[in-house]
């Protein structure tokens, strides 16, 4: 990130002159709140700032969720991002864990909110079950090169590339609007990025279900097991350029705005990114890097001709894929926005 600071209130004394309204382009974001059913995870990725050891993270109380959701609805939140650590396949607690996630999503729907779950690799039956209570789902491919299994993913069984890609295929077979993405700066090469983007594009060409691809640069955090270098912003901009060339036109490129400087964000937008993800009070994956507020983010991108607009966690072209009850709730949000 160099000497520049992440985007925040009060930055921008060197901003370019304002651009006329007629030339504005649109960048989107989701009014989100992240709920973590559990931080426990059987993977031990060396760069992770999220996980707790299995059995060392109490599961999120359903009573506390039920009390919180109406408050979030009144604050204008639309998306409930259910982001969970992974209970190992074959664990005697796996069924209870999945049911717990299902109940959180049910509560969110009951409060009029739109769940989007990312809970690691799932069986086809597990994914189908959660699809009943989610308007979209997601899983980062991260990287498809197997060489990371000898380094940062040495103790991460669910980070096998073929397993990650199989999740995209399952989602396509089940007709689930899906978000995926790459983690950048784990020791992979630019050629590896091209391979991963090509694999995502090929699966989308077959099923047409990939809404977004997140390009998430590694930023060191205080809790990770092994120190690492931050991905340079020049490399991130290059990744956006490659993604723009590799991905089908209908797939949106997303950049986490808390992990880039203002100038880096504007360069990423110029290179082809158009979405800034879910803006929640805390970035659970990168807790050392505060999210900007929508107001400060809008102010940061406006002088370069960009208008910030909220979106739902499901893109409009996928509404018809939803069961009737979920589609009705989504249409209520669309008609009220």
Protein backbone atom coordinates (compact mmCIF):
# COMPACT_ATOMS: atom_id res chain seq x y z
CA UNK A 1 0.00 0.00 0.00
CA UNK A 2 3.04 2.26 0.12
CA UNK A 3 2.70 5.40 2.22
CA UNK A 4 -0.93 6.02 1.32
CA UNK A 5 -3.63 5.34 3.89
CA UNK A 6 -6.82 3.34 3.30
CA UNK A 7 -9.85 5.35 2.29
CA UNK A 8 -11.52 7.21 5.12
CA UNK A 9 -13.27 10.37 6.18
CA UNK A 10 -11.27 13.52 5.61
CA UNK A 11 -8.95 12.21 2.90
CA UNK A 12 -8.69 13.63 -0.56
CA UNK A 13 -7.02 17.04 -0.44
CA UNK A 14 -5.25 16.09 -3.69
CA UNK A 15 -8.40 14.88 -5.42
CA UNK A 16 -8.87 15.72 -9.09
CA UNK A 17 -11.36 18.33 -10.13
CA UNK A 18 -15.01 17.32 -9.96
CA UNK A 19 -16.51 15.62 -12.99
CA UNK A 20 -19.88 16.68 -14.30
CA UNK A 21 -22.92 14.60 -13.36
CA UNK A 22 -23.55 13.63 -16.98
CA UNK A 23 -20.21 11.76 -17.04
CA UNK A 24 -20.76 9.78 -13.84
CA UNK A 25 -20.19 6.04 -13.81
CA UNK A 26 -21.72 3.72 -11.24
CA UNK A 27 -19.93 1.70 -8.58
CA UNK A 28 -22.10 -0.50 -6.38
CA UNK A 29 -21.98 -1.81 -2.83
CA UNK A 30 -24.25 -3.77 -0.51
CA UNK A 31 -25.59 -2.48 2.81
CA UNK A 32 -24.46 -5.53 4.74
CA UNK A 33 -23.93 -6.88 8.21
CA UNK A 34 -21.76 -9.93 8.86
CA UNK A 35 -22.86 -12.65 11.25
CA UNK A 36 -20.33 -15.32 12.22
CA UNK A 37 -21.95 -18.58 13.37
CA UNK A 38 -18.53 -19.73 14.62
CA UNK A 39 -14.90 -18.75 14.13
CA UNK A 40 -13.71 -22.32 14.64
CA UNK A 41 -12.14 -23.86 11.56
CA UNK A 42 -10.34 -27.09 10.89
CA UNK A 43 -8.11 -25.40 8.28
CA UNK A 44 -4.93 -23.66 9.43
CA UNK A 45 -4.08 -21.23 6.61
CA UNK A 46 -0.94 -19.33 7.57
CA UNK A 47 -2.33 -15.94 6.52
CA UNK A 48 -5.71 -16.22 8.30
CA UNK A 49 -6.84 -13.55 10.77
CA UNK A 50 -10.29 -15.08 11.29
CA UNK A 51 -10.13 -18.63 12.63
CA UNK A 52 -10.20 -20.15 16.09
CA UNK A 53 -9.24 -23.70 17.01
CA UNK A 54 -12.06 -26.28 16.80
CA UNK A 55 -14.05 -26.23 20.01
CA UNK A 56 -12.61 -22.84 21.05
CA UNK A 57 -15.29 -20.56 19.55
CA UNK A 58 -18.80 -20.52 21.05
CA UNK A 59 -21.50 -20.68 18.41
CA UNK A 60 -23.45 -17.51 17.82
CA UNK A 61 -26.59 -17.43 19.95
CA UNK A 62 -29.82 -17.61 17.97
CA UNK A 63 -31.51 -15.46 20.61
CA UNK A 64 -28.94 -12.70 20.09
CA UNK A 65 -29.44 -12.95 16.33
CA UNK A 66 -33.22 -12.65 16.71
CA UNK A 67 -32.79 -9.52 18.84
CA UNK A 68 -30.28 -7.90 16.49
CA UNK A 69 -31.99 -8.42 13.14
CA UNK A 70 -34.90 -5.96 13.57
CA UNK A 71 -32.40 -3.26 14.59
CA UNK A 72 -30.35 -3.91 11.46
CA UNK A 73 -33.49 -3.72 9.31
CA UNK A 74 -34.35 -0.31 10.78
CA UNK A 75 -30.80 0.89 10.07
CA UNK A 76 -31.21 0.14 6.37
CA UNK A 77 -29.18 -3.08 6.21
CA UNK A 78 -30.39 -5.37 3.43
CA UNK A 79 -27.78 -8.18 3.30
CA UNK A 80 -26.94 -10.58 6.10
CA UNK A 81 -23.58 -12.09 5.22
CA UNK A 82 -23.37 -15.39 7.09
CA UNK A 83 -19.65 -16.07 7.18
CA UNK A 84 -18.59 -19.15 9.07
CA UNK A 85 -15.49 -21.05 9.99
CA UNK A 86 -15.59 -24.67 8.89
CA UNK A 87 -16.52 -27.67 10.99
CA UNK A 88 -14.75 -30.61 9.39
CA UNK A 89 -16.66 -32.97 7.11
CA UNK A 90 -17.23 -36.15 9.07
CA UNK A 91 -17.29 -34.33 12.39
CA UNK A 92 -20.20 -35.43 14.64
CA UNK A 93 -21.04 -31.70 14.94
CA UNK A 94 -21.23 -31.05 11.19
CA UNK A 95 -25.01 -31.60 10.96
CA UNK A 96 -25.69 -29.33 13.94
CA UNK A 97 -23.38 -26.69 12.48
CA UNK A 98 -25.21 -26.67 9.16
CA UNK A 99 -28.59 -26.53 10.90
CA UNK A 100 -27.35 -23.61 12.98
CA UNK A 101 -26.44 -21.70 9.82
CA UNK A 102 -29.81 -22.60 8.30
CA UNK A 103 -31.64 -21.22 11.35
CA UNK A 104 -29.67 -17.95 11.22
CA UNK A 105 -30.70 -17.55 7.59
CA UNK A 106 -34.31 -18.36 8.45
CA UNK A 107 -34.30 -15.69 11.14
CA UNK A 108 -32.84 -13.17 8.70
CA UNK A 109 -35.58 -13.90 6.16
CA UNK A 110 -38.20 -13.61 8.88
CA UNK A 111 -36.89 -10.13 9.66
CA UNK A 112 -37.19 -9.15 5.99
CA UNK A 113 -33.44 -9.33 5.31
CA UNK A 114 -31.56 -11.11 2.53
CA UNK A 115 -29.04 -13.81 3.54
CA UNK A 116 -25.87 -14.63 1.62
CA UNK A 117 -23.86 -17.52 3.07
CA UNK A 118 -20.18 -18.39 2.72
CA UNK A 119 -19.40 -21.41 4.91
CA UNK A 120 -16.60 -23.15 3.05
CA UNK A 121 -16.97 -26.20 0.80
CA UNK A 122 -20.31 -28.01 1.15
CA UNK A 123 -21.68 -31.27 -0.11
CA UNK A 124 -24.30 -30.97 -2.83
CA UNK A 125 -27.00 -31.83 -0.30
CA UNK A 126 -25.75 -29.22 2.17
CA UNK A 127 -25.59 -26.58 -0.54
CA UNK A 128 -29.10 -27.44 -1.74
CA UNK A 129 -30.39 -27.16 1.81
CA UNK A 130 -28.89 -23.71 2.38
CA UNK A 131 -30.10 -22.55 -1.04
CA UNK A 132 -33.64 -22.72 0.36
CA UNK A 133 -32.86 -19.85 2.74
CA UNK A 134 -30.29 -17.79 0.80
CA UNK A 135 -30.78 -15.41 -2.11
CA UNK A 136 -27.16 -16.03 -3.15
CA UNK A 137 -24.12 -17.87 -1.85
CA UNK A 138 -20.36 -17.70 -2.23
CA UNK A 139 -16.95 -19.31 -1.88
CA UNK A 140 -13.55 -17.96 -2.82
CA UNK A 141 -11.64 -20.14 -5.26
CA UNK A 142 -8.53 -18.34 -3.92
CA UNK A 143 -6.02 -19.92 -6.35
CA UNK A 144 -6.01 -23.00 -8.55
CA UNK A 145 -2.26 -23.66 -8.44
CA UNK A 146 -1.51 -26.76 -6.33
CA UNK A 147 1.85 -25.38 -5.19
CA UNK A 148 0.17 -23.45 -2.34
CA UNK A 149 -0.70 -26.81 -0.78
CA UNK A 150 3.02 -27.05 0.05
CA UNK A 151 3.14 -23.57 1.65
CA UNK A 152 0.28 -21.43 3.00
CA UNK A 153 -2.32 -24.21 2.59
CA UNK A 154 -0.19 -27.07 3.89
CA UNK A 155 -2.60 -27.59 6.80
CA UNK A 156 -5.80 -26.58 5.00
CA UNK A 157 -7.59 -29.65 3.60
CA UNK A 158 -10.50 -27.69 2.14
CA UNK A 159 -8.23 -25.42 0.08
CA UNK A 160 -7.54 -28.06 -2.57
CA UNK A 161 -8.15 -26.33 -5.92
CA UNK A 162 -10.29 -29.13 -7.35
CA UNK A 163 -12.56 -28.99 -4.29
CA UNK A 164 -12.97 -25.22 -4.55
CA UNK A 165 -13.81 -25.41 -8.25
CA UNK A 166 -16.26 -28.24 -7.62
CA UNK A 167 -18.26 -25.86 -5.44
CA UNK A 168 -18.74 -23.49 -8.36
CA UNK A 169 -19.91 -26.41 -10.48
CA UNK A 170 -22.34 -27.58 -7.77
CA UNK A 171 -23.75 -24.08 -7.45
CA UNK A 172 -24.25 -23.95 -11.21
CA UNK A 173 -26.00 -27.33 -11.23
CA UNK A 174 -28.28 -26.17 -8.41
CA UNK A 175 -28.98 -22.78 -10.01
CA UNK A 176 -27.54 -20.70 -7.16
CA UNK A 177 -26.41 -17.12 -7.89
CA UNK A 178 -22.80 -17.23 -6.75
CA UNK A 179 -19.89 -15.02 -5.74
CA UNK A 180 -16.31 -16.23 -5.89
CA UNK A 181 -12.88 -14.66 -6.09
CA UNK A 182 -9.12 -14.79 -5.79
CA UNK A 183 -6.82 -14.13 -2.87
CA UNK A 184 -3.79 -12.35 -4.24
CA UNK A 185 -0.30 -12.32 -2.78
CA UNK A 186 -0.10 -15.80 -1.25
CA UNK A 187 2.98 -16.82 -3.25
CA UNK A 188 1.29 -17.39 -6.61
CA UNK A 189 2.32 -15.89 -9.94
CA UNK A 190 0.54 -13.71 -12.46
CA UNK A 191 0.23 -16.80 -14.66
CA UNK A 192 -1.59 -18.49 -11.77
CA UNK A 193 -4.06 -15.59 -11.69
CA UNK A 194 -4.78 -16.11 -15.38
CA UNK A 195 -5.33 -19.83 -14.80
CA UNK A 196 -7.73 -19.21 -11.90
CA UNK A 197 -9.68 -16.55 -13.78
CA UNK A 198 -9.89 -18.84 -16.81
CA UNK A 199 -11.25 -21.69 -14.68
CA UNK A 200 -13.93 -19.42 -13.21
CA UNK A 201 -14.85 -18.08 -16.65
CA UNK A 202 -15.17 -21.59 -18.09
CA UNK A 203 -17.54 -22.67 -15.33
CA UNK A 204 -19.62 -19.51 -15.73
CA UNK A 205 -19.80 -20.07 -19.48
CA UNK A 206 -21.38 -23.44 -18.72
CA UNK A 207 -23.89 -22.37 -16.06
CA UNK A 208 -24.15 -18.55 -16.16
CA UNK A 209 -24.39 -18.20 -12.39
CA UNK A 210 -21.30 -16.24 -11.29
CA UNK A 211 -22.44 -12.78 -10.19
CA UNK A 212 -19.13 -11.39 -8.97
CA UNK A 213 -15.44 -12.17 -8.74
CA UNK A 214 -13.68 -10.58 -5.78
CA UNK A 215 -10.02 -9.65 -6.14
CA UNK A 216 -8.78 -9.57 -2.55
CA UNK A 217 -5.19 -8.48 -1.95
CA UNK A 218 -3.32 -9.94 1.00
CA UNK A 219 -2.85 -7.41 3.79
CA UNK A 220 -0.90 -8.56 6.86
CA UNK A 221 -2.85 -8.82 10.10
CA UNK A 222 -1.95 -9.26 13.75
CA UNK A 223 -3.39 -12.76 14.13
CA UNK A 224 -1.93 -14.62 11.19
CA UNK A 225 0.39 -17.56 11.87
CA UNK A 226 3.08 -16.47 9.43
CA UNK A 227 4.04 -12.93 8.49
CA UNK A 228 3.72 -11.95 4.86
CA UNK A 229 4.12 -9.00 2.53
CA UNK A 230 1.21 -6.92 1.36
CA UNK A 231 0.39 -7.23 -2.31
CA UNK A 232 1.40 -4.03 -4.08
CA UNK A 233 -1.35 -1.86 -5.45
CA UNK A 234 0.31 -1.96 -8.87
CA UNK A 235 -0.11 -5.76 -8.80
CA UNK A 236 -3.75 -5.44 -7.75
CA UNK A 237 -4.45 -3.05 -10.61
CA UNK A 238 -2.79 -5.51 -12.96
CA UNK A 239 -5.03 -8.27 -11.59
CA UNK A 240 -8.11 -6.15 -12.30
CA UNK A 241 -6.92 -5.63 -15.87
CA UNK A 242 -6.40 -9.38 -16.32
CA UNK A 243 -9.81 -10.15 -14.80
CA UNK A 244 -11.49 -7.65 -17.10
CA UNK A 245 -9.97 -9.45 -20.08
CA UNK A 246 -10.61 -12.99 -18.84
CA UNK A 247 -14.10 -12.85 -17.39
CA UNK A 248 -17.37 -12.70 -19.33
CA UNK A 249 -18.85 -9.23 -19.62
CA UNK A 250 -21.74 -10.04 -17.28
CA UNK A 251 -19.49 -10.96 -14.34
CA UNK A 252 -18.79 -8.05 -12.00
CA UNK A 253 -15.30 -7.43 -10.62
CA UNK A 254 -15.28 -6.50 -6.93
CA UNK A 255 -12.54 -4.76 -4.92
CA UNK A 256 -12.55 -4.50 -1.08
CA UNK A 257 -12.30 -0.73 -0.51
CA UNK A 258 -10.77 -1.06 2.97
CA UNK A 259 -7.71 -2.81 1.55
CA UNK A 260 -6.66 -0.11 -0.93
CA UNK A 261 -5.74 3.55 -0.82
CA UNK A 262 -7.93 6.15 -2.45
CA UNK A 263 -5.68 6.41 -5.50
CA UNK A 264 -5.47 2.61 -5.72
CA UNK A 265 -9.23 2.29 -5.61
CA UNK A 266 -9.70 4.86 -8.35
CA UNK A 267 -7.11 3.04 -10.47
CA UNK A 268 -8.93 -0.27 -9.93
CA UNK A 269 -12.21 1.33 -10.99
CA UNK A 270 -10.54 2.74 -14.08
CA UNK A 271 -9.17 -0.73 -14.88
CA UNK A 272 -12.57 -2.42 -14.75
CA UNK A 273 -13.77 -3.02 -11.19
CA UNK A 274 -17.31 -1.77 -10.56
CA UNK A 275 -18.34 -3.21 -7.19
CA UNK A 276 -17.06 -2.47 -3.67
CA UNK A 277 -18.65 -5.36 -1.82
CA UNK A 278 -20.61 -5.50 1.38
CA UNK A 279 -19.94 -2.56 3.68
CA UNK A 280 -20.31 -3.87 7.23
CA UNK A 281 -19.14 -2.33 10.52
CA UNK A 282 -16.32 -4.91 10.78
CA UNK A 283 -14.39 -6.77 8.10
CA UNK A 284 -14.28 -10.14 9.85
CA UNK A 285 -11.69 -11.53 7.43
CA UNK A 286 -9.40 -8.48 7.71
CA UNK A 287 -10.23 -7.08 11.17
CA UNK A 288 -7.17 -4.80 11.20
CA UNK A 289 -8.60 -2.79 8.28
CA UNK A 290 -11.74 -0.80 8.99
CA UNK A 291 -14.37 -0.47 6.31
CA UNK A 292 -15.07 3.05 5.08
CA UNK A 293 -18.57 4.37 5.56
CA UNK A 294 -20.72 4.60 2.44
CA UNK A 295 -20.59 8.39 2.81
CA UNK A 296 -16.79 8.58 2.86
CA UNK A 297 -16.56 6.06 0.04
CA UNK A 298 -18.99 8.04 -2.12
CA UNK A 299 -16.96 11.19 -1.45
CA UNK A 300 -13.72 9.41 -2.36
CA UNK A 301 -14.87 8.25 -5.79
CA UNK A 302 -17.13 11.14 -6.82
CA UNK A 303 -14.38 13.53 -8.03
CA UNK A 304 -13.27 10.91 -10.56
CA UNK A 305 -16.80 10.69 -11.99
CA UNK A 306 -18.13 7.70 -10.04
CA UNK A 307 -21.49 7.52 -8.29
CA UNK A 308 -21.90 5.03 -5.43
CA UNK A 309 -25.19 3.11 -5.42
CA UNK A 310 -26.47 0.38 -3.10
CA UNK A 311 -27.40 -3.02 -4.52
CA UNK A 312 -28.93 -6.23 -3.22
CA UNK A 313 -26.89 -9.42 -2.68
CA UNK A 314 -28.61 -10.92 -5.72
CA UNK A 315 -28.28 -9.26 -9.12
CA UNK A 316 -31.59 -8.58 -10.95
CA UNK A 317 -31.03 -11.10 -13.76
CA UNK A 318 -31.04 -13.91 -11.19
CA UNK A 319 -34.32 -13.06 -9.44
CA UNK A 320 -36.18 -15.59 -11.58
CA UNK A 321 -33.93 -18.37 -10.28
CA UNK A 322 -35.26 -18.02 -6.74
CA UNK A 323 -38.08 -19.94 -5.06
CA UNK A 324 -41.31 -17.96 -4.90
CA UNK A 325 -40.95 -16.87 -1.27
CA UNK A 326 -37.41 -15.58 -1.71
CA UNK A 327 -38.23 -13.93 -5.01
CA UNK A 328 -41.17 -12.12 -3.41
CA UNK A 329 -38.94 -10.74 -0.65
CA UNK A 330 -36.33 -9.61 -3.15
CA UNK A 331 -38.99 -7.87 -5.26
CA UNK A 332 -40.21 -6.04 -2.15
CA UNK A 333 -36.69 -4.69 -1.70
CA UNK A 334 -36.43 -3.70 -5.34
CA UNK A 335 -39.75 -1.88 -5.31
CA UNK A 336 -38.88 0.03 -2.14
CA UNK A 337 -35.40 1.14 -3.22
